Amino acid sequence: MKTLLVSSALAMLATLFTPAHASEHNGAAMAATCAGCHGTHGKLRNQEFVPLAGMPEAEFIRAMRDYKSGKRQSTLMGNLAQGFSDRDVQAMARYFARVK
């Protein structure tokens, strides 16, 4: 019984001290899906695709919304953009804006 009480208390404390960012969307993990075309961390070694590293958040969000709506045409990006929620796009935009 004592072990159960101690375990329960530790579990409750762990939830109190979990970093706030642990529950928010992980932009870096989602951004990894872009690496095939845009390079690791959005850094390109060629000029065939737009580099995402350092792109301002608003620019990234606008581009993804335009791809998703069909306003901006692309054979691949329109379909990819459909798979991300607004929250996902914002998290990726935040991540790429911070990558230098």
Protein backbone atom coordinates (compact mmCIF):
# COMPACT_ATOMS: atom_id res chain seq x y z
CA MET A 1 0.00 0.00 0.00
CA LYS A 2 2.83 2.37 0.87
CA THR A 3 4.43 1.69 -2.52
CA LEU A 4 1.17 2.49 -4.29
CA LEU A 5 0.85 5.81 -2.45
CA VAL A 6 4.43 6.78 -3.22
CA SER A 7 4.02 5.82 -6.89
CA SER A 8 0.81 7.83 -7.16
CA ALA A 9 2.39 10.85 -5.52
CA LEU A 10 5.40 10.69 -7.87
CA ALA A 11 3.13 10.40 -10.90
CA MET A 12 1.18 13.47 -9.82
CA LEU A 13 4.37 15.45 -9.24
CA ALA A 14 5.71 14.45 -12.64
CA THR A 15 2.67 15.96 -14.34
CA LEU A 16 3.13 19.19 -12.42
CA PHE A 17 6.75 19.56 -13.52
CA THR A 18 6.43 18.50 -17.15
CA PRO A 19 7.67 21.31 -19.41
CA ALA A 20 4.88 23.26 -21.05
CA HIS A 21 6.41 22.78 -24.49
CA ALA A 22 6.09 19.00 -24.20
CA SER A 23 2.36 19.21 -24.87
CA GLU A 24 2.51 21.69 -27.74
CA HIS A 25 2.94 20.68 -31.36
CA ASN A 26 6.48 19.72 -32.23
CA GLY A 27 7.30 21.80 -35.29
CA ALA A 28 10.73 20.21 -35.69
CA ALA A 29 9.26 16.72 -35.98
CA MET A 30 6.67 17.81 -38.54
CA ALA A 31 9.25 19.87 -40.42
CA ALA A 32 11.30 16.71 -40.92
CA THR A 33 8.70 15.69 -43.52
CA CYS A 34 9.98 18.58 -45.67
CA ALA A 35 13.59 17.37 -45.69
CA GLY A 36 13.27 15.19 -48.80
CA CYS A 37 12.86 18.23 -51.05
CA HIS A 38 13.84 21.23 -48.93
CA GLY A 39 16.87 19.73 -47.18
CA THR A 40 17.57 18.80 -43.59
CA HIS A 41 16.24 21.57 -41.33
CA GLY A 42 15.12 23.42 -44.47
CA LYS A 43 18.71 24.02 -45.59
CA LEU A 44 19.25 23.24 -49.26
CA ARG A 45 22.39 22.25 -51.06
CA ASN A 46 20.90 23.08 -54.46
CA GLN A 47 18.55 25.65 -55.94
CA GLU A 48 15.76 23.35 -57.20
CA PHE A 49 13.52 23.99 -54.19
CA VAL A 50 12.86 26.97 -51.93
CA PRO A 51 14.97 26.89 -48.76
CA LEU A 52 12.76 26.97 -45.66
CA ALA A 53 15.44 27.74 -43.05
CA GLY A 54 15.03 31.30 -41.82
CA MET A 55 11.79 31.87 -43.73
CA PRO A 56 9.57 34.37 -41.88
CA GLU A 57 6.60 32.71 -40.18
CA ALA A 58 4.00 34.75 -42.06
CA GLU A 59 5.55 33.87 -45.43
CA PHE A 60 5.58 30.12 -44.65
CA ILE A 61 1.98 30.21 -43.39
CA ARG A 62 0.78 32.19 -46.43
CA ALA A 63 2.49 29.78 -48.83
CA MET A 64 1.02 26.71 -47.13
CA ARG A 65 -2.48 28.24 -47.08
CA ASP A 66 -2.16 29.15 -50.76
CA TYR A 67 -1.06 25.62 -51.64
CA LYS A 68 -3.89 24.15 -49.57
CA SER A 69 -6.54 26.35 -51.21
CA GLY A 70 -5.17 25.84 -54.72
CA LYS A 71 -4.34 29.54 -55.12
CA ARG A 72 -0.68 28.56 -55.53
CA GLN A 73 -0.25 25.71 -58.01
CA SER A 74 2.11 22.79 -57.50
CA THR A 75 2.08 19.13 -58.46
CA LEU A 76 3.10 18.05 -54.96
CA MET A 77 2.69 20.82 -52.39
CA GLY A 78 -1.09 21.17 -52.71
CA ASN A 79 -1.58 17.57 -51.66
CA LEU A 80 0.99 17.80 -48.88
CA ALA A 81 -0.48 21.01 -47.49
CA GLN A 82 -3.89 19.32 -47.24
CA GLY A 83 -2.43 16.96 -44.63
CA PHE A 84 -1.48 19.68 -42.16
CA SER A 85 -3.83 21.55 -39.83
CA ASP A 86 -3.47 25.29 -39.26
CA ARG A 87 -1.88 24.47 -35.91
CA ASP A 88 0.63 22.15 -37.63
CA VAL A 89 1.53 24.84 -40.16
CA GLN A 90 2.03 27.43 -37.42
CA ALA A 91 4.32 25.07 -35.50
CA MET A 92 6.41 24.37 -38.61
CA ALA A 93 6.53 28.07 -39.47
CA ARG A 94 7.82 28.85 -35.98
CA TYR A 95 10.45 26.13 -36.30
CA PHE A 96 11.73 27.16 -39.76
CA ALA A 97 11.82 30.86 -38.80
CA ARG A 98 14.22 29.98 -35.96
CA VAL A 99 16.56 27.81 -38.06
CA LYS A 100 19.53 29.81 -39.28
